[in-house]
C-alpha atoms as a PDB file:
ATOM      1  CA  MET A   1    -150.172 -60.443  -9.174  1.00  0.00           C
ATOM      2  CA  SER A   2    -152.085 -60.151  -5.959  1.00  0.00           C
ATOM      3  CA  SER A   3    -155.162 -58.043  -5.884  1.00  0.00           C
ATOM      4  CA  VAL A   4    -154.775 -55.454  -3.102  1.00  0.00           C
ATOM      5  CA  SER A   5    -157.407 -52.787  -2.873  1.00  0.00           C
ATOM      6  CA  VAL A   6    -156.505 -49.148  -3.162  1.00  0.00           C
ATOM      7  CA  THR A   7    -158.332 -48.451   0.082  1.00  0.00           C
ATOM      8  CA  ALA A   8    -156.135 -50.891   2.017  1.00  0.00           C
ATOM      9  CA  LEU A   9    -152.986 -49.313   0.566  1.00  0.00           C
ATOM     10  CA  LEU A  10    -154.239 -45.829   1.476  1.00  0.00           C
ATOM     11  CA  ILE A  11    -154.990 -46.893   5.055  1.00  0.00           C
ATOM     12  CA  ARG A  12    -151.501 -48.445   5.388  1.00  0.00           C
ATOM     13  CA  LEU A  13    -149.951 -45.232   4.025  1.00  0.00           C
ATOM     14  CA  VAL A  14    -151.812 -42.987   6.479  1.00  0.00           C
ATOM     15  CA  LEU A  15    -150.977 -45.230   9.448  1.00  0.00           C
ATOM     16  CA  SER A  16    -147.297 -45.400   8.477  1.00  0.00           C
ATOM     17  CA  LEU A  17    -147.127 -41.640   8.085  1.00  0.00           C
ATOM     18  CA  GLY A  18    -148.777 -41.202  11.490  1.00  0.00           C
ATOM     19  CA  VAL A  19    -146.203 -43.467  13.141  1.00  0.00           C
ATOM     20  CA  VAL A  20    -143.332 -41.537  11.518  1.00  0.00           C
ATOM     21  CA  ILE A  21    -144.732 -38.165  12.662  1.00  0.00           C
ATOM     22  CA  VAL A  22    -145.206 -39.401  16.245  1.00  0.00           C
ATOM     23  CA  LEU A  23    -141.623 -40.748  16.308  1.00  0.00           C
ATOM     24  CA  MET A  24    -140.250 -37.449  14.977  1.00  0.00           C
ATOM     25  CA  ALA A  25    -142.156 -35.467  17.621  1.00  0.00           C
ATOM     26  CA  ALA A  26    -140.869 -37.742  20.405  1.00  0.00           C
ATOM     27  CA  LEU A  27    -137.273 -37.485  19.170  1.00  0.00           C
ATOM     28  CA  ALA A  28    -137.544 -33.697  18.911  1.00  0.00           C
ATOM     29  CA  LYS A  29    -138.767 -33.484  22.502  1.00  0.00           C
ATOM     30  CA  VAL A  30    -135.883 -35.656  23.734  1.00  0.00           C
ATOM     31  CA  ALA A  31    -133.322 -33.670  21.725  1.00  0.00           C
ATOM     32  CA  ARG A  32    -134.697 -30.354  22.977  1.00  0.00           C
ATOM     33  CA  GLY A  33    -134.330 -31.555  26.580  1.00  0.00           C
ATOM     34  CA  ARG A  34    -130.756 -32.730  26.056  1.00  0.00           C
ATOM     35  CA  MET A  35    -129.691 -29.511  24.341  1.00  0.00           C
ATOM     36  CA  GLY A  36    -130.384 -27.485  27.482  1.00  0.00           C
ATOM     37  CA  ARG A  37    -133.489 -25.690  26.265  1.00  0.00           C
ATOM     38  CA  SER A  38    -135.608 -26.844  29.183  1.00  0.00           C
ATOM     39  CA  THR A  39    -137.256 -23.996  31.056  1.00  0.00           C
ATOM     40  CA  GLY A  40    -136.662 -25.485  34.504  1.00  0.00           C
ATOM     41  CA  ARG A  41    -132.936 -24.751  34.553  1.00  0.00           C
ATOM     42  CA  ARG A  42    -131.490 -21.452  35.666  1.00  0.00           C
ATOM     43  CA  ARG A  43    -128.776 -19.997  33.524  1.00  0.00           C
ATOM     44  CA  ASP A  44    -125.751 -18.278  34.975  1.00  0.00           C
ATOM     45  CA  PRO A  45    -125.912 -14.627  33.822  1.00  0.00           C
ATOM     46  CA  SER A  46    -122.122 -14.448  33.756  1.00  0.00           C
ATOM     47  CA  LEU A  47    -122.111 -17.063  30.981  1.00  0.00           C
ATOM     48  CA  GLN A  48    -124.653 -15.360  28.724  1.00  0.00           C
ATOM     49  CA  LEU A  49    -123.555 -13.520  25.582  1.00  0.00           C
ATOM     50  CA  GLN A  50    -125.266 -10.449  24.177  1.00  0.00           C
ATOM     51  CA  VAL A  51    -124.343  -8.568  20.995  1.00  0.00           C
ATOM     52  CA  LEU A  52    -124.412  -4.875  21.925  1.00  0.00           C
ATOM     53  CA  SER A  53    -123.260  -3.377  18.655  1.00  0.00           C
ATOM     54  CA  ARG A  54    -122.258  -4.471  15.155  1.00  0.00           C
ATOM     55  CA  GLN A  55    -120.435  -2.394  12.559  1.00  0.00           C
ATOM     56  CA  THR A  56    -119.871  -3.723   9.062  1.00  0.00           C
ATOM     57  CA  ILE A  57    -116.469  -2.731   7.701  1.00  0.00           C
ATOM     58  CA  GLY A  58    -116.443  -4.654   4.443  1.00  0.00           C
ATOM     59  CA  LYS A  59    -118.261  -7.210   2.330  1.00  0.00           C
ATOM     60  CA  ASN A  60    -117.467 -10.118   4.648  1.00  0.00           C
ATOM     61  CA  ALA A  61    -116.017  -8.340   7.673  1.00  0.00           C
ATOM     62  CA  SER A  62    -117.479  -6.641  10.715  1.00  0.00           C
ATOM     63  CA  VAL A  63    -116.665  -5.567  14.244  1.00  0.00           C
ATOM     64  CA  LEU A  64    -118.883  -6.764  17.104  1.00  0.00           C
ATOM     65  CA  LEU A  65    -119.151  -5.535  20.646  1.00  0.00           C
ATOM     66  CA  VAL A  66    -120.260  -8.478  22.763  1.00  0.00           C
ATOM     67  CA  ARG A  67    -121.181  -8.520  26.444  1.00  0.00           C
ATOM     68  CA  ALA A  68    -120.012 -11.658  28.218  1.00  0.00           C
ATOM     69  CA  GLY A  69    -121.158 -11.288  31.812  1.00  0.00           C
ATOM     70  CA  ASP A  70    -119.522  -8.092  33.064  1.00  0.00           C
ATOM     71  CA  ARG A  71    -116.851  -8.052  30.347  1.00  0.00           C
ATOM     72  CA  GLY A  72    -117.012  -6.378  26.968  1.00  0.00           C
ATOM     73  CA  LEU A  73    -115.352  -8.100  24.023  1.00  0.00           C
ATOM     74  CA  LEU A  74    -114.580  -6.257  20.808  1.00  0.00           C
ATOM     75  CA  LEU A  75    -114.383  -8.930  18.118  1.00  0.00           C
ATOM     76  CA  GLY A  76    -113.246  -8.750  14.529  1.00  0.00           C
ATOM     77  CA  VAL A  77    -115.369 -11.121  12.439  1.00  0.00           C
ATOM     78  CA  THR A  78    -114.595 -12.282   8.906  1.00  0.00           C
ATOM     79  CA  GLU A  79    -115.927 -15.121   6.809  1.00  0.00           C
ATOM     80  CA  HIS A  80    -113.312 -17.560   8.129  1.00  0.00           C
ATOM     81  CA  ASN A  81    -112.108 -16.056  11.398  1.00  0.00           C
ATOM     82  CA  VAL A  82    -113.207 -14.432  14.659  1.00  0.00           C
ATOM     83  CA  SER A  83    -110.474 -12.587  16.522  1.00  0.00           C
ATOM     84  CA  LEU A  84    -110.415 -10.700  19.805  1.00  0.00           C
ATOM     85  CA  ILE A  85    -109.444  -7.052  19.329  1.00  0.00           C
ATOM     86  CA  THR A  86    -109.722  -5.967  22.950  1.00  0.00           C
ATOM     87  CA  GLU A  87    -111.454  -6.843  26.215  1.00  0.00           C
ATOM     88  CA  THR A  88    -112.850  -4.236  28.599  1.00  0.00           C
ATOM     89  CA  GLU A  89    -114.947  -3.906  31.736  1.00  0.00           C
ATOM     90  CA  LEU A  90    -118.537  -2.889  31.039  1.00  0.00           C
ATOM     91  CA  THR A  91    -120.334  -0.294  33.069  1.00  0.00           C
ATOM     92  CA  ALA A  92    -124.075  -0.125  33.640  1.00  0.00           C
ATOM     93  CA  ALA A  93    -124.261   3.276  31.920  1.00  0.00           C
ATOM     94  CA  PRO A  94    -125.655   3.315  28.364  1.00  0.00           C
ATOM     95  CA  VAL A  95    -123.579   4.713  25.506  1.00  0.00           C
ATOM     96  CA  ASP A  96    -125.754   7.823  25.099  1.00  0.00           C
ATOM     97  CA  GLU A  97    -125.029   9.209  28.565  1.00  0.00           C
ATOM     98  CA  ALA A  98    -122.403  11.809  29.422  1.00  0.00           C
ATOM     99  CA  PRO A  99    -118.785  10.828  28.754  1.00  0.00           C
ATOM    100  CA  ALA A 100    -116.868   9.144  31.520  1.00  0.00           C
ATOM    101  CA  PRO A 101    -114.390  11.158  33.577  1.00  0.00           C
ATOM    102  CA  ALA A 102    -110.702  11.093  32.703  1.00  0.00           C
ATOM    103  CA  ARG A 103    -109.118   7.752  33.476  1.00  0.00           C
ATOM    104  CA  ALA A 104    -105.787   6.894  34.952  1.00  0.00           C
ATOM    105  CA  PRO A 105    -103.007   5.963  32.507  1.00  0.00           C
ATOM    106  CA  GLY A 106    -102.513   2.253  31.944  1.00  0.00           C
ATOM    107  CA  LEU A 107    -106.188   1.274  32.369  1.00  0.00           C
ATOM    108  CA  ALA A 108    -108.203  -0.225  29.535  1.00  0.00           C
ATOM    109  CA  PRO A 109    -110.471   2.341  27.817  1.00  0.00           C
ATOM    110  CA  PRO A 110    -114.251   2.051  28.232  1.00  0.00           C
ATOM    111  CA  TRP A 111    -115.879  -0.039  25.524  1.00  0.00           C
ATOM    112  CA  ASN A 112    -117.787   2.874  23.965  1.00  0.00           C
ATOM    113  CA  MET A 113    -114.486   4.723  23.408  1.00  0.00           C
ATOM    114  CA  VAL A 114    -113.033   1.599  21.795  1.00  0.00           C
ATOM    115  CA  VAL A 115    -116.021   1.290  19.459  1.00  0.00           C
ATOM    116  CA  GLN A 116    -115.804   4.985  18.548  1.00  0.00           C
ATOM    117  CA  ARG A 117    -112.087   4.633  17.775  1.00  0.00           C
ATOM    118  CA  VAL A 118    -112.695   1.573  15.599  1.00  0.00           C
ATOM    119  CA  ARG A 119    -115.407   3.451  13.726  1.00  0.00           C
ATOM    120  CA  GLU A 120    -113.041   6.362  13.115  1.00  0.00           C
ATOM    121  CA  LEU A 121    -110.395   3.998  11.765  1.00  0.00           C
ATOM    122  CA  THR A 122    -112.755   2.113   9.473  1.00  0.00           C
ATOM    123  CA  VAL A 123    -114.813   4.939   7.920  1.00  0.00           C
ATOM    124  CA  ARG A 124    -114.426   5.225   4.170  1.00  0.00           C
ATOM    125  CA  ARG A 125    -113.558   8.719   3.096  1.00  0.00           C
ATOM    126  CA  ALA A 126    -114.391   9.876  -0.431  1.00  0.00           C
END
């Protein structure tokens, strides 16, 4: 058996660990740049998604109101599926403001009315 000092083994271990950490940091920086997380790019606001409201309707099911640009999407979400319930135009007015005026027949209802209707349909009554 060769006689290798413990100090030499410890120095080799620390240097090897240092090289691995530097490589991981470099790879993380490259991956972060390729994934589009760089701060120099402008994002198109019409492509951004924002969850406006979430209502749980069961153990593994919920209804989400999502803003996608100027559109509102009411989505049904389960453990294995996401389905579109309806799509509406979003207004700049918050939900808490006065109700919207009567609308013409045939137009899609405002998203807050859709959410209220879904809540009415999914409330458990004792």
